[in-house]
């Protein structure tokens, strides 16, 4: 029977494996769950970085003279 979720095989250097193993034991979860959670966190961090870059670019291009007032937007 095929797995419900896609699987990924990952090769880790021993110090990294030991760190993930330690985290998994501390949290009382499987290695697979620990790695999944770490990947989720990493993706969220990357998204935050990308959104911060976007916000910074928009902030640099912001011109108050071209901005809409609250009244203009919401009537």
PDB file of N, CA and C in Angstrom:
ATOM      1  N   UNK A   1       0.838  -1.182   0.000  1.00  0.00           N
ATOM      2  CA  UNK A   1       0.000   0.000   0.000  1.00  0.00           C
ATOM      3  C   UNK A   1       0.884   1.246   0.000  1.00  0.00           C
ATOM      4  N   UNK A   2       0.663   2.183  -0.937  1.00  0.00           N
ATOM      5  CA  UNK A   2       1.510   3.370  -1.014  1.00  0.00           C
ATOM      6  C   UNK A   2       1.293   4.276   0.200  1.00  0.00           C
ATOM      7  N   UNK A   3       2.340   5.024   0.516  1.00  0.00           N
ATOM      8  CA  UNK A   3       2.271   5.962   1.637  1.00  0.00           C
ATOM      9  C   UNK A   3       1.303   7.096   1.316  1.00  0.00           C
ATOM     10  N   UNK A   4       0.694   7.607   2.351  1.00  0.00           N
ATOM     11  CA  UNK A   4      -0.267   8.706   2.179  1.00  0.00           C
ATOM     12  C   UNK A   4       0.442   9.990   1.752  1.00  0.00           C
ATOM     13  N   UNK A   5       1.612  10.254   2.325  1.00  0.00           N
ATOM     14  CA  UNK A   5       2.381  11.458   2.006  1.00  0.00           C
ATOM     15  C   UNK A   5       3.628  11.092   1.217  1.00  0.00           C
ATOM     16  N   UNK A   6       4.090  11.983   0.350  1.00  0.00           N
ATOM     17  CA  UNK A   6       5.330  11.711  -0.389  1.00  0.00           C
ATOM     18  C   UNK A   6       6.508  11.543   0.572  1.00  0.00           C
ATOM     19  N   UNK A   7       7.467  10.773   0.168  1.00  0.00           N
ATOM     20  CA  UNK A   7       8.644  10.497   0.996  1.00  0.00           C
ATOM     21  C   UNK A   7       9.872  11.110   0.346  1.00  0.00           C
ATOM     22  N   UNK A   8      10.832  11.480   1.188  1.00  0.00           N
ATOM     23  CA  UNK A   8      12.106  12.021   0.722  1.00  0.00           C
ATOM     24  C   UNK A   8      13.217  11.336   1.510  1.00  0.00           C
ATOM     25  N   UNK A   9      14.234  10.882   0.813  1.00  0.00           N
ATOM     26  CA  UNK A   9      15.411  10.337   1.484  1.00  0.00           C
ATOM     27  C   UNK A   9      16.458  11.431   1.564  1.00  0.00           C
ATOM     28  N   UNK A  10      17.024  11.608   2.736  1.00  0.00           N
ATOM     29  CA  UNK A  10      18.016  12.662   2.952  1.00  0.00           C
ATOM     30  C   UNK A  10      19.257  12.046   3.580  1.00  0.00           C
ATOM     31  N   UNK A  11      20.414  12.459   3.099  1.00  0.00           N
ATOM     32  CA  UNK A  11      21.669  12.012   3.673  1.00  0.00           C
ATOM     33  C   UNK A  11      22.233  13.166   4.500  1.00  0.00           C
ATOM     34  N   UNK A  12      22.510  12.907   5.783  1.00  0.00           N
ATOM     35  CA  UNK A  12      23.021  13.930   6.682  1.00  0.00           C
ATOM     36  C   UNK A  12      24.425  13.571   7.153  1.00  0.00           C
ATOM     37  N   UNK A  13      25.240  14.592   7.345  1.00  0.00           N
ATOM     38  CA  UNK A  13      26.535  14.364   7.974  1.00  0.00           C
ATOM     39  C   UNK A  13      26.266  13.954   9.422  1.00  0.00           C
ATOM     40  N   UNK A  14      27.171  13.200  10.024  1.00  0.00           N
ATOM     41  CA  UNK A  14      26.959  12.660  11.362  1.00  0.00           C
ATOM     42  C   UNK A  14      26.640  13.741  12.407  1.00  0.00           C
ATOM     43  N   UNK A  15      27.346  14.877  12.448  1.00  0.00           N
ATOM     44  CA  UNK A  15      26.993  15.885  13.466  1.00  0.00           C
ATOM     45  C   UNK A  15      25.563  16.420  13.291  1.00  0.00           C
ATOM     46  N   UNK A  16      25.134  16.575  12.067  1.00  0.00           N
ATOM     47  CA  UNK A  16      23.776  17.053  11.803  1.00  0.00           C
ATOM     48  C   UNK A  16      22.758  15.980  12.177  1.00  0.00           C
ATOM     49  N   UNK A  17      23.049  14.747  11.826  1.00  0.00           N
ATOM     50  CA  UNK A  17      22.172  13.638  12.201  1.00  0.00           C
ATOM     51  C   UNK A  17      22.025  13.557  13.717  1.00  0.00           C
ATOM     52  N   UNK A  18      23.133  13.669  14.418  1.00  0.00           N
ATOM     53  CA  UNK A  18      23.104  13.589  15.879  1.00  0.00           C
ATOM     54  C   UNK A  18      22.295  14.737  16.478  1.00  0.00           C
ATOM     55  N   UNK A  19      22.409  15.920  15.895  1.00  0.00           N
ATOM     56  CA  UNK A  19      21.647  17.070  16.385  1.00  0.00           C
ATOM     57  C   UNK A  19      20.150  16.849  16.185  1.00  0.00           C
ATOM     58  N   UNK A  20      19.767  16.351  15.025  1.00  0.00           N
ATOM     59  CA  UNK A  20      18.350  16.092  14.747  1.00  0.00           C
ATOM     60  C   UNK A  20      17.854  14.954  15.642  1.00  0.00           C
ATOM     61  N   UNK A  21      18.655  13.950  15.817  1.00  0.00           N
ATOM     62  CA  UNK A  21      18.286  12.829  16.680  1.00  0.00           C
ATOM     63  C   UNK A  21      18.064  13.317  18.111  1.00  0.00           C
ATOM     64  N   UNK A  22      18.937  14.182  18.588  1.00  0.00           N
ATOM     65  CA  UNK A  22      18.811  14.731  19.936  1.00  0.00           C
ATOM     66  C   UNK A  22      17.513  15.544  20.074  1.00  0.00           C
ATOM     67  N   UNK A  23      17.231  16.385  19.055  1.00  0.00           N
ATOM     68  CA  UNK A  23      15.990  17.160  19.070  1.00  0.00           C
ATOM     69  C   UNK A  23      14.766  16.252  19.093  1.00  0.00           C
ATOM     70  N   UNK A  24      14.793  15.230  18.273  1.00  0.00           N
ATOM     71  CA  UNK A  24      13.658  14.301  18.204  1.00  0.00           C
ATOM     72  C   UNK A  24      13.429  13.635  19.563  1.00  0.00           C
ATOM     73  N   UNK A  25      14.494  13.210  20.200  1.00  0.00           N
ATOM     74  CA  UNK A  25      14.364  12.559  21.513  1.00  0.00           C
ATOM     75  C   UNK A  25      13.849  13.546  22.558  1.00  0.00           C
ATOM     76  N   UNK A  26      14.362  14.789  22.523  1.00  0.00           N
ATOM     77  CA  UNK A  26      13.906  15.800  23.479  1.00  0.00           C
ATOM     78  C   UNK A  26      12.423  16.101  23.314  1.00  0.00           C
ATOM     79  N   UNK A  27      11.957  16.101  22.084  1.00  0.00           N
ATOM     80  CA  UNK A  27      10.555  16.413  21.798  1.00  0.00           C
ATOM     81  C   UNK A  27       9.661  15.183  21.824  1.00  0.00           C
ATOM     82  N   UNK A  28      10.259  14.017  21.923  1.00  0.00           N
ATOM     83  CA  UNK A  28       9.483  12.779  21.969  1.00  0.00           C
ATOM     84  C   UNK A  28       8.801  12.453  20.653  1.00  0.00           C
ATOM     85  N   UNK A  29       9.470  12.770  19.549  1.00  0.00           N
ATOM     86  CA  UNK A  29       8.910  12.503  18.226  1.00  0.00           C
ATOM     87  C   UNK A  29       9.899  11.670  17.415  1.00  0.00           C
ATOM     88  N   UNK A  30       9.425  11.164  16.292  1.00  0.00           N
ATOM     89  CA  UNK A  30      10.298  10.382  15.414  1.00  0.00           C
ATOM     90  C   UNK A  30      11.280  11.299  14.691  1.00  0.00           C
ATOM     91  N   UNK A  31      12.332  10.696  14.171  1.00  0.00           N
ATOM     92  CA  UNK A  31      13.285  11.459  13.357  1.00  0.00           C
ATOM     93  C   UNK A  31      12.578  12.111  12.168  1.00  0.00           C
ATOM     94  N   UNK A  32      11.691  11.361  11.548  1.00  0.00           N
ATOM     95  CA  UNK A  32      10.959  11.866  10.391  1.00  0.00           C
ATOM     96  C   UNK A  32      10.160  13.111  10.754  1.00  0.00           C
ATOM     97  N   UNK A  33       9.475  13.073  11.879  1.00  0.00           N
ATOM     98  CA  UNK A  33       8.674  14.218  12.310  1.00  0.00           C
ATOM     99  C   UNK A  33       9.573  15.407  12.644  1.00  0.00           C
ATOM    100  N   UNK A  34      10.695  15.143  13.300  1.00  0.00           N
ATOM    101  CA  UNK A  34      11.620  16.224  13.638  1.00  0.00           C
ATOM    102  C   UNK A  34      12.151  16.893  12.373  1.00  0.00           C
ATOM    103  N   UNK A  35      12.539  16.092  11.386  1.00  0.00           N
ATOM    104  CA  UNK A  35      13.050  16.659  10.132  1.00  0.00           C
ATOM    105  C   UNK A  35      11.948  17.427   9.415  1.00  0.00           C
ATOM    106  N   UNK A  36      10.736  16.877   9.374  1.00  0.00           N
ATOM    107  CA  UNK A  36       9.610  17.573   8.740  1.00  0.00           C
ATOM    108  C   UNK A  36       9.379  18.934   9.385  1.00  0.00           C
ATOM    109  N   UNK A  37       9.382  18.970  10.727  1.00  0.00           N
ATOM    110  CA  UNK A  37       9.151  20.229  11.433  1.00  0.00           C
ATOM    111  C   UNK A  37      10.266  21.235  11.182  1.00  0.00           C
ATOM    112  N   UNK A  38      11.503  20.756  11.117  1.00  0.00           N
ATOM    113  CA  UNK A  38      12.630  21.646  10.828  1.00  0.00           C
ATOM    114  C   UNK A  38      12.537  22.212   9.418  1.00  0.00           C
ATOM    115  N   UNK A  39      12.122  21.392   8.465  1.00  0.00           N
ATOM    116  CA  UNK A  39      11.951  21.872   7.087  1.00  0.00           C
ATOM    117  C   UNK A  39      10.843  22.926   7.033  1.00  0.00           C
ATOM    118  N   UNK A  40       9.744  22.685   7.730  1.00  0.00           N
ATOM    119  CA  UNK A  40       8.658  23.675   7.778  1.00  0.00           C
ATOM    120  C   UNK A  40       9.156  25.008   8.330  1.00  0.00           C
ATOM    121  N   UNK A  41       9.916  24.944   9.437  1.00  0.00           N
ATOM    122  CA  UNK A  41      10.460  26.162  10.037  1.00  0.00           C
ATOM    123  C   UNK A  41      11.381  26.886   9.068  1.00  0.00           C
ATOM    124  N   UNK A  42      12.222  26.134   8.381  1.00  0.00           N
ATOM    125  CA  UNK A  42      13.153  26.737   7.433  1.00  0.00           C
ATOM    126  C   UNK A  42      12.403  27.441   6.303  1.00  0.00           C
ATOM    127  N   UNK A  43      11.347  26.823   5.810  1.00  0.00           N
ATOM    128  CA  UNK A  43      10.557  27.427   4.731  1.00  0.00           C
ATOM    129  C   UNK A  43       9.879  28.703   5.233  1.00  0.00           C
ATOM    130  N   UNK A  44       9.339  28.670   6.458  1.00  0.00           N
ATOM    131  CA  UNK A  44       8.712  29.868   7.018  1.00  0.00           C
ATOM    132  C   UNK A  44       9.725  31.007   7.160  1.00  0.00           C
ATOM    133  N   UNK A  45      10.931  30.673   7.598  1.00  0.00           N
ATOM    134  CA  UNK A  45      11.980  31.689   7.731  1.00  0.00           C
ATOM    135  C   UNK A  45      12.323  32.278   6.372  1.00  0.00           C
ATOM    136  N   UNK A  46      12.468  31.414   5.359  1.00  0.00           N
ATOM    137  CA  UNK A  46      12.773  31.910   4.005  1.00  0.00           C
ATOM    138  C   UNK A  46      11.654  32.794   3.485  1.00  0.00           C
ATOM    139  N   UNK A  47      10.389  32.415   3.748  1.00  0.00           N
ATOM    140  CA  UNK A  47       9.260  33.248   3.329  1.00  0.00           C
ATOM    141  C   UNK A  47       9.311  34.603   4.023  1.00  0.00           C
ATOM    142  N   UNK A  48       9.626  34.606   5.321  1.00  0.00           N
ATOM    143  CA  UNK A  48       9.739  35.869   6.061  1.00  0.00           C
ATOM    144  C   UNK A  48      10.829  36.756   5.473  1.00  0.00           C
ATOM    145  N   UNK A  49      11.951  36.152   5.112  1.00  0.00           N
ATOM    146  CA  UNK A  49      13.052  36.912   4.513  1.00  0.00           C
ATOM    147  C   UNK A  49      12.615  37.505   3.181  1.00  0.00           C
ATOM    148  N   UNK A  50      11.952  36.700   2.361  1.00  0.00           N
ATOM    149  CA  UNK A  50      11.483  37.188   1.058  1.00  0.00           C
ATOM    150  C   UNK A  50      10.459  38.305   1.215  1.00  0.00           C
ATOM    151  N   UNK A  51       9.536  38.168   2.169  1.00  0.00           N
ATOM    152  CA  UNK A  51       8.538  39.215   2.398  1.00  0.00           C
ATOM    153  C   UNK A  51       9.188  40.488   2.927  1.00  0.00           C
ATOM    154  N   UNK A  52      10.209  40.344   3.765  1.00  0.00           N
ATOM    155  CA  UNK A  52      10.926  41.518   4.271  1.00  0.00           C
ATOM    156  C   UNK A  52      11.629  42.251   3.127  1.00  0.00           C
ATOM    157  N   UNK A  53      12.212  41.495   2.201  1.00  0.00           N
ATOM    158  CA  UNK A  53      12.854  42.114   1.036  1.00  0.00           C
ATOM    159  C   UNK A  53      11.829  42.863   0.181  1.00  0.00           C
ATOM    160  N   UNK A  54      10.666  42.250  -0.014  1.00  0.00           N
ATOM    161  CA  UNK A  54       9.608  42.883  -0.781  1.00  0.00           C
ATOM    162  C   UNK A  54       9.154  44.168  -0.091  1.00  0.00           C
ATOM    163  N   UNK A  55       8.955  44.103   1.220  1.00  0.00           N
ATOM    164  CA  UNK A  55       8.519  45.283   1.973  1.00  0.00           C
ATOM    165  C   UNK A  55       9.567  46.387   1.896  1.00  0.00           C
ATOM    166  N   UNK A  56      10.838  46.017   1.976  1.00  0.00           N
ATOM    167  CA  UNK A  56      11.915  47.007   1.895  1.00  0.00           C
ATOM    168  C   UNK A  56      11.928  47.681   0.531  1.00  0.00           C
ATOM    169  N   UNK A  57      11.741  46.904  -0.515  1.00  0.00           N
ATOM    170  CA  UNK A  57      11.718  47.464  -1.872  1.00  0.00           C
ATOM    171  C   UNK A  57      10.523  48.402  -2.034  1.00  0.00           C
ATOM    172  N   UNK A  58       9.375  48.007  -1.512  1.00  0.00           N
ATOM    173  CA  UNK A  58       8.180  48.862  -1.605  1.00  0.00           C
ATOM    174  C   UNK A  58       8.372  50.134  -0.786  1.00  0.00           C
ATOM    175  N   UNK A  59       9.024  50.011   0.358  1.00  0.00           N
ATOM    176  CA  UNK A  59       9.271  51.177   1.207  1.00  0.00           C
ATOM    177  C   UNK A  59      10.184  52.178   0.504  1.00  0.00           C
ATOM    178  N   UNK A  60      11.178  51.672  -0.207  1.00  0.00           N
ATOM    179  CA  UNK A  60      12.102  52.553  -0.923  1.00  0.00           C
ATOM    180  C   UNK A  60      11.404  53.280  -2.073  1.00  0.00           C
ATOM    181  N   UNK A  61      10.413  52.632  -2.675  1.00  0.00           N
ATOM    182  CA  UNK A  61       9.735  53.250  -3.817  1.00  0.00           C
ATOM    183  C   UNK A  61       8.500  54.056  -3.402  1.00  0.00           C
ATOM    184  N   UNK A  62       8.189  54.073  -2.109  1.00  0.00           N
ATOM    185  CA  UNK A  62       7.003  54.776  -1.623  1.00  0.00           C
ATOM    186  C   UNK A  62       7.154  56.288  -1.786  1.00  0.00           C
ATOM    187  N   UNK A  63       6.126  56.896  -2.340  1.00  0.00           N
ATOM    188  CA  UNK A  63       6.081  58.361  -2.484  1.00  0.00           C
ATOM    189  C   UNK A  63       4.776  58.843  -1.858  1.00  0.00           C
ATOM    190  N   UNK A  64       4.904  59.608  -0.795  1.00  0.00           N
ATOM    191  CA  UNK A  64       3.719  60.093  -0.089  1.00  0.00           C
ATOM    192  C   UNK A  64       2.801  60.880  -1.020  1.00  0.00           C
ATOM    193  N   UNK A  65       3.383  61.581  -1.967  1.00  0.00           N
ATOM    194  CA  UNK A  65       2.577  62.387  -2.895  1.00  0.00           C
ATOM    195  C   UNK A  65       1.672  61.519  -3.775  1.00  0.00           C
ATOM    196  N   UNK A  66       2.041  60.258  -3.963  1.00  0.00           N
ATOM    197  CA  UNK A  66       1.237  59.362  -4.799  1.00  0.00           C
ATOM    198  C   UNK A  66       0.347  58.441  -3.970  1.00  0.00           C
ATOM    199  N   UNK A  67       0.473  58.507  -2.643  1.00  0.00           N
ATOM    200  CA  UNK A  67      -0.283  57.615  -1.761  1.00  0.00           C
ATOM    201  C   UNK A  67      -1.737  58.055  -1.671  1.00  0.00           C
ATOM    202  N   UNK A  68      -2.613  57.086  -1.477  1.00  0.00           N
ATOM    203  CA  UNK A  68      -4.029  57.361  -1.279  1.00  0.00           C
ATOM    204  C   UNK A  68      -4.300  57.580   0.204  1.00  0.00           C
ATOM    205  N   UNK A  69      -5.204  58.494   0.496  1.00  0.00           N
ATOM    206  CA  UNK A  69      -5.570  58.733   1.892  1.00  0.00           C
ATOM    207  C   UNK A  69      -6.572  57.666   2.339  1.00  0.00           C
ATOM    208  N   UNK A  70      -6.781  57.601   3.636  1.00  0.00           N
ATOM    209  CA  UNK A  70      -7.780  56.680   4.180  1.00  0.00           C
ATOM    210  C   UNK A  70      -9.154  56.964   3.575  1.00  0.00           C
ATOM    211  N   UNK A  71      -9.464  58.228   3.483  1.00  0.00           N
ATOM    212  CA  UNK A  71     -10.769  58.631   2.926  1.00  0.00           C
ATOM    213  C   UNK A  71     -10.898  58.199   1.463  1.00  0.00           C
ATOM    214  N   UNK A  72      -9.816  58.351   0.688  1.00  0.00           N
ATOM    215  CA  UNK A  72      -9.844  57.948  -0.729  1.00  0.00           C
ATOM    216  C   UNK A  72     -10.102  56.445  -0.865  1.00  0.00           C
ATOM    217  N   UNK A  73      -9.514  55.677   0.017  1.00  0.00           N
ATOM    218  CA  UNK A  73      -9.627  54.219  -0.069  1.00  0.00           C
ATOM    219  C   UNK A  73     -10.970  53.726   0.465  1.00  0.00           C
ATOM    220  N   UNK A  74     -11.372  54.212   1.616  1.00  0.00           N
ATOM    221  CA  UNK A  74     -12.540  53.675   2.306  1.00  0.00           C
ATOM    222  C   UNK A  74     -13.784  54.544   2.202  1.00  0.00           C
ATOM    223  N   UNK A  75     -13.643  55.695   1.534  1.00  0.00           N
ATOM    224  CA  UNK A  75     -14.808  56.543   1.275  1.00  0.00           C
ATOM    225  C   UNK A  75     -15.205  57.306   2.447  1.00  0.00           C
TER     226      UNK A  75
END
